[in-house]
Amino acid sequence: SVSPLAGHIPQTPVTPAMEGGRGGKRWRFATPNLAVAAAGERSIQRYLLQLHACLDENGPRPVIPLSHGDPSSSACFRTAPEAEEAVAAAVRSGDYNGYSSPATSLPARRAIAEYLSCDLPYKLCTDDIFLTSGGTQAIEIVMSVFGQPGANILLPKPGYPKHEAHAVFHRMEVRLYDLVPERGWEINVEAVEALADENTVAIVITNPNNPCGNVYTYEHLSKIADTASKFGLLVIADEVYGHLVYGSTPFVPMGVFGETVPVLTLGAISKRWVVPGWRFGWIAICDPKGILKETKVVDSLRSFRNLTTGPATFIQGAIPHIMKNTNDEFFRKTLELLKETAEICFGEIKEIKCITCPHKPEGSFFMMVKLDISQLSDICDDIDFCSKLVKEESVVLLPGRALGMENWLRITFALDPPRLKQGLERVKSFCRRHQSHANMLNISASAKVEPHFGMSKS
């Protein structure tokens, strides 16, 4: 499917109102930038602001956020002490108070190259790494480089909205391919092949997945690499949740298939180290055949990177120590905790009649669940559900509409277990209270006949 508005941003004519004002003066800046408006429509924050406006400020119960990907709000997800010490040492040293320079960025880029190379069949070098202010700036840079009139890009549905927002802002046509819930949210490869044409420049994949919580197998990623190579596409691999896996499928970076197809890997320390506010990310060129260098894509990345600022210098200074010294025990405990909270969330959701989860999460800290509106008496859609839930129960969920999936919900389970259970109990209570009358009669009827069936079996 083609995303509405994507690549189609009309020009706004100057109206008499713009020319009016006091004294009839015409303000020449009065024409709005519709590219900004169209991009902003794809913002998760827009939906969250609307939901928070529904909160009862005088409510007796604390708000439980099951809507956003920031586990640092829970004490049990605090970052590694080695990371905190590295940042403090960098600040105290006095060596990182100035602008970024090769002297500050080179050790950080070398550390990232070594970190990523551990999982690849070839070695990355410092020239393969571009430092960014978090994963969001990595998305912005890549979309800026490829955003040309007439180009289109393939994005997942559901997906992370900032990919689409920046593509739209740069007037690219967005073509959405489906992730299939019945197949563990695998990519519909046939749909990808049907969408691609001579103007398609890239396909974006997210692994481990936000918002679905799935992890792609080696075989599935290999199939995606072959498909991208067949059509001459670049693969943009958003791996911000890299290594945050706790199911049976191991994390395989897309760069493993760099010999098959050129890959730009987007990453950050925000999720694995639980420090989204530190704003440190990267773009890694996983292209051992040098295709991106030959086609001048690397030059374009470098040129655009020179137009922007990078991560804070003291974070750059801390990165080599963070990468080298973080204890494996910290990562192990984080994964154990995520596995526990994923189990809690999956189990609790199974007890809610109007919500179903098609696939148990294996990575990241999100799950997508289907909302059955027909079982609720006075709820018209997912936005209405989330608005009334936050007002009545002080629990915040993200409506699926924010991710292109009407009547779905995204749940974040990266909270301390007691608070997560409390939040899900409130969701249960809300759903019971809003059950449709017909559904309640069915449940009542089932309850009456159960003893009879039990007696006949005995």
Protein backbone atom coordinates (compact mmCIF):
# COMPACT_ATOMS: atom_id res chain seq x y z
CA SER A 1 0.00 0.00 0.00
CA VAL A 2 1.05 3.59 -0.51
CA SER A 3 0.96 5.77 2.58
CA PRO A 4 -1.49 8.69 2.24
CA LEU A 5 0.15 12.09 1.91
CA ALA A 6 3.57 10.52 1.37
CA GLY A 7 5.33 12.17 -1.54
CA HIS A 8 2.22 14.26 -2.21
CA ILE A 9 2.53 17.57 -0.39
CA PRO A 10 0.42 20.27 -2.04
CA GLN A 11 1.52 23.85 -2.18
CA THR A 12 -0.51 26.25 -0.05
CA PRO A 13 -1.70 29.34 -1.94
CA VAL A 14 -1.47 32.72 -0.30
CA THR A 15 -4.93 33.65 0.98
CA PRO A 16 -6.43 37.03 1.80
CA ALA A 17 -6.11 36.19 5.49
CA MET A 18 -2.37 35.84 5.05
CA GLU A 19 -2.25 39.17 3.30
CA GLY A 20 -4.40 40.90 5.92
CA GLY A 21 -3.46 41.56 9.48
CA ARG A 22 -3.04 44.92 11.07
CA GLY A 23 -2.78 47.73 8.56
CA GLY A 24 -3.32 45.32 5.68
CA LYS A 25 0.36 44.28 5.81
CA ARG A 26 1.29 41.08 4.00
CA TRP A 27 3.48 38.81 6.10
CA ARG A 28 5.75 36.97 3.68
CA PHE A 29 6.40 34.14 6.11
CA ALA A 30 2.69 33.31 6.45
CA THR A 31 2.62 30.32 4.08
CA PRO A 32 2.90 27.16 6.22
CA ASN A 33 5.41 24.47 5.36
CA LEU A 34 3.14 21.54 4.56
CA ALA A 35 6.07 19.13 4.48
CA VAL A 36 6.56 19.79 8.20
CA ALA A 37 2.84 19.37 8.88
CA ALA A 38 2.70 16.09 6.92
CA ALA A 39 5.73 14.73 8.76
CA GLY A 40 4.33 15.79 12.12
CA GLU A 41 1.17 13.80 11.45
CA ARG A 42 3.31 10.67 11.77
CA SER A 43 4.52 11.50 15.28
CA ILE A 44 3.91 9.17 18.22
CA GLN A 45 4.27 12.21 20.48
CA ARG A 46 1.19 13.75 18.86
CA TYR A 47 -0.96 10.85 20.05
CA LEU A 48 0.64 10.73 23.49
CA LEU A 49 0.01 14.43 24.04
CA GLN A 50 -3.65 13.90 23.19
CA LEU A 51 -3.87 11.01 25.64
CA HIS A 52 -2.14 12.87 28.46
CA ALA A 53 -4.64 15.68 27.97
CA CYS A 54 -7.34 13.15 29.01
CA LEU A 55 -5.67 12.43 32.34
CA ASP A 56 -7.44 13.41 35.52
CA GLU A 57 -4.78 15.55 37.17
CA ASN A 58 -6.46 15.05 40.56
CA GLY A 59 -6.80 11.31 40.17
CA PRO A 60 -5.95 9.20 43.22
CA ARG A 61 -3.71 6.72 41.38
CA PRO A 62 -0.30 7.24 39.79
CA VAL A 63 -0.03 7.10 36.02
CA ILE A 64 1.33 3.84 34.63
CA PRO A 65 2.99 4.40 31.21
CA LEU A 66 2.71 1.33 28.98
CA SER A 67 3.07 3.46 25.89
CA HIS A 68 6.65 4.59 25.34
CA GLY A 69 10.02 2.91 24.98
CA ASP A 70 11.93 4.40 27.90
CA PRO A 71 12.66 1.74 30.54
CA SER A 72 14.92 4.17 32.43
CA SER A 73 11.79 5.40 34.24
CA SER A 74 11.92 2.15 36.25
CA ALA A 75 14.72 1.80 38.79
CA CYS A 76 15.19 -1.89 37.94
CA PHE A 77 16.33 -0.89 34.44
CA ARG A 78 19.08 1.50 35.53
CA THR A 79 22.14 1.56 33.27
CA ALA A 80 25.42 -0.19 33.98
CA PRO A 81 27.62 1.44 36.64
CA GLU A 82 30.55 1.18 34.24
CA ALA A 83 28.69 3.45 31.81
CA GLU A 84 27.95 6.05 34.48
CA GLU A 85 31.56 6.01 35.64
CA ALA A 86 32.84 6.43 32.09
CA VAL A 87 30.68 9.53 31.52
CA ALA A 88 31.65 11.03 34.89
CA ALA A 89 35.35 10.44 34.15
CA ALA A 90 35.02 12.05 30.71
CA VAL A 91 33.38 15.14 32.22
CA ARG A 92 35.93 15.43 35.04
CA SER A 93 38.86 15.10 32.65
CA GLY A 94 38.18 18.49 31.08
CA ASP A 95 39.16 17.07 27.68
CA TYR A 96 35.64 17.09 26.24
CA ASN A 97 34.33 20.60 26.83
CA GLY A 98 35.01 21.86 23.32
CA TYR A 99 33.58 21.19 19.91
CA SER A 100 33.83 17.71 18.45
CA SER A 101 37.02 17.05 16.48
CA PRO A 102 38.87 14.06 15.02
CA ALA A 103 40.63 13.77 18.37
CA THR A 104 37.32 13.17 20.17
CA SER A 105 35.38 11.28 17.50
CA LEU A 106 38.07 8.88 16.26
CA PRO A 107 38.32 6.75 19.42
CA ALA A 108 34.53 6.57 19.64
CA ARG A 109 34.17 5.53 15.99
CA ARG A 110 36.91 2.93 16.46
CA ALA A 111 35.09 1.53 19.50
CA ILE A 112 31.79 1.27 17.61
CA ALA A 113 33.51 -0.38 14.63
CA GLU A 114 35.07 -2.99 16.93
CA TYR A 115 31.77 -3.52 18.77
CA LEU A 116 29.83 -4.18 15.56
CA SER A 117 32.58 -6.24 13.93
CA CYS A 118 32.27 -8.88 16.64
CA ASP A 119 29.05 -10.09 14.96
CA LEU A 120 30.14 -9.77 11.32
CA PRO A 121 32.15 -12.02 8.99
CA TYR A 122 34.34 -9.02 8.07
CA LYS A 123 35.83 -6.07 9.93
CA LEU A 124 34.53 -2.52 9.92
CA CYS A 125 36.94 0.40 10.14
CA THR A 126 36.54 3.88 11.60
CA ASP A 127 35.67 5.31 8.17
CA ASP A 128 32.63 3.01 8.10
CA ILE A 129 31.13 4.71 11.16
CA PHE A 130 29.23 8.00 11.34
CA LEU A 131 28.34 9.19 14.83
CA THR A 132 24.87 10.63 15.36
CA SER A 133 22.87 12.26 18.10
CA GLY A 134 20.82 9.16 18.82
CA GLY A 135 18.99 6.83 16.48
CA THR A 136 16.59 9.57 15.42
CA GLN A 137 19.35 11.66 13.85
CA ALA A 138 20.64 8.53 12.11
CA ILE A 139 17.20 8.15 10.50
CA GLU A 140 17.13 11.85 9.60
CA ILE A 141 20.54 11.75 7.91
CA VAL A 142 19.80 8.62 5.86
CA MET A 143 16.41 9.89 4.70
CA SER A 144 17.93 13.26 3.83
CA VAL A 145 20.57 11.64 1.65
CA PHE A 146 18.09 9.48 -0.29
CA GLY A 147 15.15 11.88 -0.27
CA GLN A 148 14.89 13.04 -3.86
CA PRO A 149 11.77 13.85 -5.91
CA GLY A 150 10.47 10.76 -7.69
CA ALA A 151 12.18 8.29 -5.36
CA ASN A 152 10.20 5.83 -3.26
CA ILE A 153 11.14 3.78 -0.23
CA LEU A 154 9.68 0.58 1.24
CA LEU A 155 8.73 0.74 4.92
CA PRO A 156 7.16 -1.87 7.21
CA LYS A 157 3.57 -1.76 8.42
CA PRO A 158 3.38 -1.57 11.36
CA GLY A 159 6.61 0.29 11.81
CA TYR A 160 8.43 3.03 13.66
CA PRO A 161 6.76 6.29 12.53
CA LYS A 162 9.93 8.39 12.39
CA HIS A 163 11.12 6.50 9.31
CA GLU A 164 7.98 7.54 7.49
CA ALA A 165 7.98 11.07 8.93
CA HIS A 166 11.46 11.87 7.63
CA ALA A 167 10.79 10.20 4.28
CA VAL A 168 7.65 12.29 3.87
CA PHE A 169 9.45 15.46 4.92
CA HIS A 170 11.96 14.89 2.12
CA ARG A 171 9.13 14.30 -0.37
CA MET A 172 9.77 10.63 -0.93
CA GLU A 173 6.90 8.35 -1.83
CA VAL A 174 6.37 5.85 0.96
CA ARG A 175 5.25 2.34 0.03
CA LEU A 176 4.22 0.18 2.96
CA TYR A 177 4.78 -3.57 3.00
CA ASP A 178 2.96 -5.75 5.52
CA LEU A 179 4.37 -7.64 8.47
CA VAL A 180 2.25 -10.77 8.84
CA PRO A 181 1.04 -11.41 12.42
CA GLU A 182 0.06 -15.02 11.68
CA ARG A 183 3.67 -15.71 10.64
CA GLY A 184 5.29 -14.15 13.69
CA TRP A 185 5.30 -10.70 12.06
CA GLU A 186 7.57 -11.86 9.25
CA ILE A 187 8.00 -9.60 6.23
CA ASN A 188 5.65 -10.35 3.34
CA VAL A 189 8.38 -10.83 0.75
CA GLU A 190 5.90 -11.23 -2.09
CA ALA A 191 4.43 -7.82 -1.23
CA VAL A 192 7.90 -6.29 -1.24
CA GLU A 193 8.54 -7.62 -4.74
CA ALA A 194 5.19 -6.29 -5.94
CA LEU A 195 5.86 -2.80 -4.53
CA ALA A 196 9.40 -2.31 -5.81
CA ASP A 197 10.00 -0.58 -9.14
CA GLU A 198 12.74 1.34 -10.93
CA ASN A 199 12.29 4.32 -8.57
CA THR A 200 12.63 2.33 -5.35
CA VAL A 201 15.89 3.19 -3.60
CA ALA A 202 15.77 1.24 -0.34
CA ILE A 203 13.89 -1.04 2.02
CA VAL A 204 13.85 -0.43 5.77
CA ILE A 205 13.73 -3.34 8.21
CA THR A 206 13.64 -3.15 12.01
CA ASN A 207 15.20 -6.04 13.91
CA PRO A 208 14.59 -6.77 16.77
CA ASN A 209 11.25 -5.25 15.96
CA ASN A 210 9.52 -2.19 17.31
CA PRO A 211 6.51 -2.36 17.66
CA CYS A 212 5.92 -6.11 17.27
CA GLY A 213 8.62 -7.64 19.49
CA ASN A 214 9.65 -10.28 16.95
CA VAL A 215 13.19 -11.27 15.94
CA TYR A 216 13.96 -12.30 12.36
CA THR A 217 15.71 -15.60 11.70
CA TYR A 218 18.91 -15.91 9.69
CA GLU A 219 16.96 -17.61 6.91
CA HIS A 220 14.35 -14.85 6.70
CA LEU A 221 16.99 -12.10 6.67
CA SER A 222 18.87 -13.97 3.96
CA LYS A 223 15.70 -14.02 1.86
CA ILE A 224 15.29 -10.26 2.36
CA ALA A 225 18.91 -9.69 1.33
CA ASP A 226 18.42 -11.76 -1.85
CA THR A 227 15.22 -9.87 -2.69
CA ALA A 228 16.87 -6.47 -2.16
CA SER A 229 19.84 -7.53 -4.30
CA LYS A 230 17.51 -8.75 -7.04
CA PHE A 231 15.92 -5.30 -7.31
CA GLY A 232 19.12 -3.33 -6.71
CA LEU A 233 17.93 -1.89 -3.40
CA LEU A 234 19.85 -0.67 -0.40
CA VAL A 235 18.86 -2.22 2.95
CA ILE A 236 18.50 0.23 5.83
CA ALA A 237 18.60 -1.89 8.98
CA ASP A 238 17.30 -0.23 12.13
CA GLU A 239 19.01 -2.26 14.86
CA VAL A 240 18.58 0.11 17.79
CA TYR A 241 17.27 -2.89 19.76
CA GLY A 242 20.19 -5.08 18.70
CA HIS A 243 20.99 -7.90 21.16
CA LEU A 244 17.86 -7.25 23.23
CA VAL A 245 16.56 -10.76 22.55
CA TYR A 246 15.34 -13.33 25.09
CA GLY A 247 13.44 -15.90 22.99
CA SER A 248 14.61 -18.86 20.95
CA THR A 249 15.68 -16.80 17.91
CA PRO A 250 19.15 -15.24 18.20
CA PHE A 251 19.88 -11.73 16.98
CA VAL A 252 21.54 -11.69 13.54
CA PRO A 253 22.67 -8.27 12.29
CA MET A 254 21.70 -7.50 8.71
CA GLY A 255 25.32 -6.60 8.02
CA VAL A 256 26.06 -10.33 7.96
CA PHE A 257 24.63 -10.24 4.41
CA GLY A 258 26.77 -7.29 3.30
CA GLU A 259 28.35 -9.43 0.58
CA THR A 260 24.89 -9.96 -0.92
CA VAL A 261 23.53 -6.42 -0.65
CA PRO A 262 24.88 -3.13 0.73
CA VAL A 263 23.52 -2.35 4.21
CA LEU A 264 23.34 0.82 6.26
CA THR A 265 22.95 -0.17 9.90
CA LEU A 266 21.38 2.33 12.31
CA GLY A 267 22.18 1.79 15.97
CA ALA A 268 22.41 3.45 19.35
CA ILE A 269 23.31 2.79 22.98
CA SER A 270 19.89 4.04 24.09
CA LYS A 271 18.12 0.69 24.49
CA ARG A 272 20.77 -1.91 25.30
CA TRP A 273 22.40 0.38 27.86
CA VAL A 274 19.04 1.93 28.92
CA VAL A 275 20.16 5.54 28.32
CA PRO A 276 17.87 7.08 25.67
CA GLY A 277 18.59 10.55 27.05
CA TRP A 278 22.31 10.29 26.33
CA ARG A 279 21.59 10.68 22.60
CA PHE A 280 24.40 8.60 21.12
CA GLY A 281 23.89 6.62 17.92
CA TRP A 282 25.58 5.69 14.66
CA ILE A 283 25.27 4.82 11.01
CA ALA A 284 27.48 1.88 10.01
CA ILE A 285 28.38 1.12 6.39
CA CYS A 286 28.23 -2.66 6.07
CA ASP A 287 29.39 -2.97 2.49
CA PRO A 288 32.54 -5.06 2.01
CA LYS A 289 32.26 -4.80 -1.78
CA GLY A 290 32.42 -0.99 -1.64
CA ILE A 291 29.22 -0.42 -3.63
CA LEU A 292 28.16 2.56 -1.52
CA LYS A 293 31.57 4.15 -1.92
CA GLU A 294 31.55 3.58 -5.67
CA THR A 295 28.06 5.09 -6.04
CA LYS A 296 29.05 8.16 -3.94
CA VAL A 297 26.53 7.36 -1.19
CA VAL A 298 29.34 7.53 1.35
CA ASP A 299 30.30 10.97 0.05
CA SER A 300 26.69 12.12 0.41
CA LEU A 301 26.53 10.81 3.98
CA ARG A 302 29.73 12.60 4.82
CA SER A 303 28.54 15.84 3.21
CA PHE A 304 25.23 15.83 5.07
CA ARG A 305 26.93 14.84 8.32
CA ASN A 306 29.08 17.96 7.98
CA LEU A 307 25.92 20.08 8.02
CA THR A 308 24.79 18.79 11.42
CA THR A 309 26.06 18.47 14.95
CA GLY A 310 26.96 15.13 16.49
CA PRO A 311 26.68 13.60 19.94
CA ALA A 312 27.87 15.51 22.98
CA THR A 313 31.65 15.35 23.17
CA PHE A 314 31.77 13.95 26.72
CA ILE A 315 29.57 11.04 25.59
CA GLN A 316 31.95 10.44 22.70
CA GLY A 317 34.81 10.45 25.18
CA ALA A 318 33.06 7.86 27.35
CA ILE A 319 32.14 5.46 24.54
CA PRO A 320 35.43 3.50 24.34
CA HIS A 321 35.24 2.78 28.08
CA ILE A 322 31.52 1.94 27.93
CA MET A 323 32.08 -0.55 25.10
CA LYS A 324 35.11 -2.14 26.71
CA ASN A 325 34.19 -2.23 30.38
CA THR A 326 30.45 -2.92 30.61
CA ASN A 327 30.08 -6.18 32.51
CA ASP A 328 28.26 -9.01 30.71
CA GLU A 329 26.31 -9.55 33.92
CA PHE A 330 24.51 -6.25 33.31
CA PHE A 331 23.30 -7.42 29.89
CA ARG A 332 22.30 -10.82 31.26
CA LYS A 333 20.20 -9.32 34.05
CA THR A 334 18.52 -6.91 31.63
CA LEU A 335 17.50 -9.77 29.34
CA GLU A 336 16.25 -11.86 32.27
CA LEU A 337 14.11 -8.97 33.44
CA LEU A 338 12.72 -8.34 29.95
CA LYS A 339 11.91 -12.03 29.57
CA GLU A 340 10.05 -11.93 32.89
CA THR A 341 8.06 -8.83 32.02
CA ALA A 342 7.27 -10.16 28.52
CA GLU A 343 5.90 -13.34 30.11
CA ILE A 344 3.81 -11.28 32.53
CA CYS A 345 2.39 -9.14 29.75
CA PHE A 346 1.65 -12.05 27.42
CA GLY A 347 0.00 -14.03 30.21
CA GLU A 348 -2.15 -11.15 31.45
CA ILE A 349 -3.30 -10.23 27.94
CA LYS A 350 -4.55 -13.80 27.39
CA GLU A 351 -7.03 -13.22 30.21
CA ILE A 352 -8.61 -10.18 28.51
CA LYS A 353 -11.43 -11.25 26.22
CA CYS A 354 -11.31 -8.29 23.81
CA ILE A 355 -7.52 -8.25 23.31
CA THR A 356 -5.40 -10.90 21.59
CA CYS A 357 -1.67 -11.12 20.99
CA PRO A 358 -0.81 -13.03 17.78
CA HIS A 359 2.85 -13.53 18.64
CA LYS A 360 4.71 -13.75 21.93
CA PRO A 361 7.51 -11.15 22.00
CA GLU A 362 11.08 -12.41 21.69
CA GLY A 363 12.96 -9.12 21.49
CA SER A 364 12.82 -5.37 22.18
CA PHE A 365 10.22 -4.46 24.81
CA PHE A 366 7.02 -4.07 22.84
CA MET A 367 4.11 -6.18 21.71
CA MET A 368 1.29 -5.49 19.25
CA VAL A 369 -2.15 -6.71 20.27
CA LYS A 370 -5.46 -6.82 18.39
CA LEU A 371 -8.46 -5.03 19.84
CA ASP A 372 -11.90 -6.57 19.22
CA ILE A 373 -14.20 -3.56 19.32
CA SER A 374 -17.31 -5.72 18.87
CA GLN A 375 -16.95 -6.99 22.44
CA LEU A 376 -17.04 -3.48 23.92
CA SER A 377 -20.24 -1.53 24.38
CA ASP A 378 -19.23 2.12 24.10
CA ILE A 379 -15.79 2.06 22.42
CA CYS A 380 -15.64 2.99 18.73
CA ASP A 381 -11.95 2.45 17.92
CA ASP A 382 -8.43 2.15 19.33
CA ILE A 383 -8.06 5.88 19.95
CA ASP A 384 -11.35 5.99 21.84
CA PHE A 385 -10.23 2.94 23.84
CA CYS A 386 -6.91 4.55 24.84
CA SER A 387 -8.52 7.93 25.60
CA LYS A 388 -11.11 6.42 27.95
CA LEU A 389 -8.58 4.05 29.50
CA VAL A 390 -6.22 6.86 30.45
CA LYS A 391 -9.09 8.93 31.85
CA GLU A 392 -10.63 6.14 33.90
CA GLU A 393 -7.59 4.07 34.88
CA SER A 394 -4.54 6.38 34.49
CA VAL A 395 -2.91 3.79 32.21
CA VAL A 396 -1.38 4.95 28.92
CA LEU A 397 -1.29 2.63 25.90
CA LEU A 398 -0.35 3.63 22.37
CA PRO A 399 -3.22 3.32 19.86
CA GLY A 400 -2.31 1.28 16.80
CA ARG A 401 -3.45 4.15 14.59
CA ALA A 402 -0.17 5.89 15.50
CA LEU A 403 1.60 3.00 13.76
CA GLY A 404 -0.76 2.63 10.82
CA MET A 405 -2.79 -0.20 12.41
CA GLU A 406 -6.37 0.73 13.29
CA ASN A 407 -7.88 -1.17 16.23
CA TRP A 408 -4.54 -2.48 17.40
CA LEU A 409 -2.55 -1.41 20.47
CA ARG A 410 1.15 -1.27 21.26
CA ILE A 411 2.08 -2.22 24.81
CA THR A 412 5.45 -1.52 26.41
CA PHE A 413 6.41 -3.99 29.12
CA ALA A 414 9.78 -2.50 30.14
CA LEU A 415 8.60 -1.64 33.65
CA ASP A 416 9.25 -3.09 37.05
CA PRO A 417 7.08 -6.24 37.37
CA PRO A 418 4.78 -5.06 40.20
CA ARG A 419 3.88 -1.83 38.39
CA LEU A 420 3.42 -3.70 35.09
CA LYS A 421 1.01 -6.15 36.76
CA GLN A 422 -0.88 -3.28 38.34
CA GLY A 423 -1.22 -1.51 35.01
CA LEU A 424 -2.47 -4.65 33.25
CA GLU A 425 -4.96 -5.32 36.07
CA ARG A 426 -6.36 -1.85 35.46
CA VAL A 427 -6.67 -2.63 31.74
CA LYS A 428 -8.57 -5.83 32.64
CA SER A 429 -10.89 -3.92 34.93
CA PHE A 430 -11.52 -1.33 32.23
CA CYS A 431 -12.36 -3.97 29.62
CA ARG A 432 -14.73 -5.79 31.98
CA ARG A 433 -16.50 -2.55 32.75
CA HIS A 434 -16.97 -1.75 29.05
CA GLN A 435 -18.00 -5.21 27.88
CA SER A 436 -20.99 -5.16 25.56
CA HIS A 437 -24.30 -6.38 26.97
CA ALA A 438 -24.54 -9.18 24.37
CA ASN A 439 -21.05 -10.39 25.25
CA MET A 440 -21.86 -10.41 28.95
CA LEU A 441 -24.98 -12.50 28.25
CA ASN A 442 -22.87 -15.00 26.29
CA ILE A 443 -20.39 -15.25 29.14
CA SER A 444 -23.24 -15.71 31.62
CA ALA A 445 -24.84 -18.41 29.47
CA SER A 446 -21.54 -20.26 29.18
CA ALA A 447 -21.08 -20.15 32.91
CA LYS A 448 -24.54 -21.72 33.46
CA VAL A 449 -23.91 -24.72 31.21
CA GLU A 450 -20.42 -25.50 32.41
CA PRO A 451 -21.55 -27.57 35.44
CA HIS A 452 -23.73 -29.74 33.18
CA PHE A 453 -20.84 -30.54 30.85
CA GLY A 454 -18.63 -31.20 33.85
CA MET A 455 -21.16 -33.73 35.25
CA SER A 456 -21.56 -35.53 31.93
CA LYS A 457 -17.80 -35.99 31.68
CA SER A 458 -17.62 -37.52 35.10
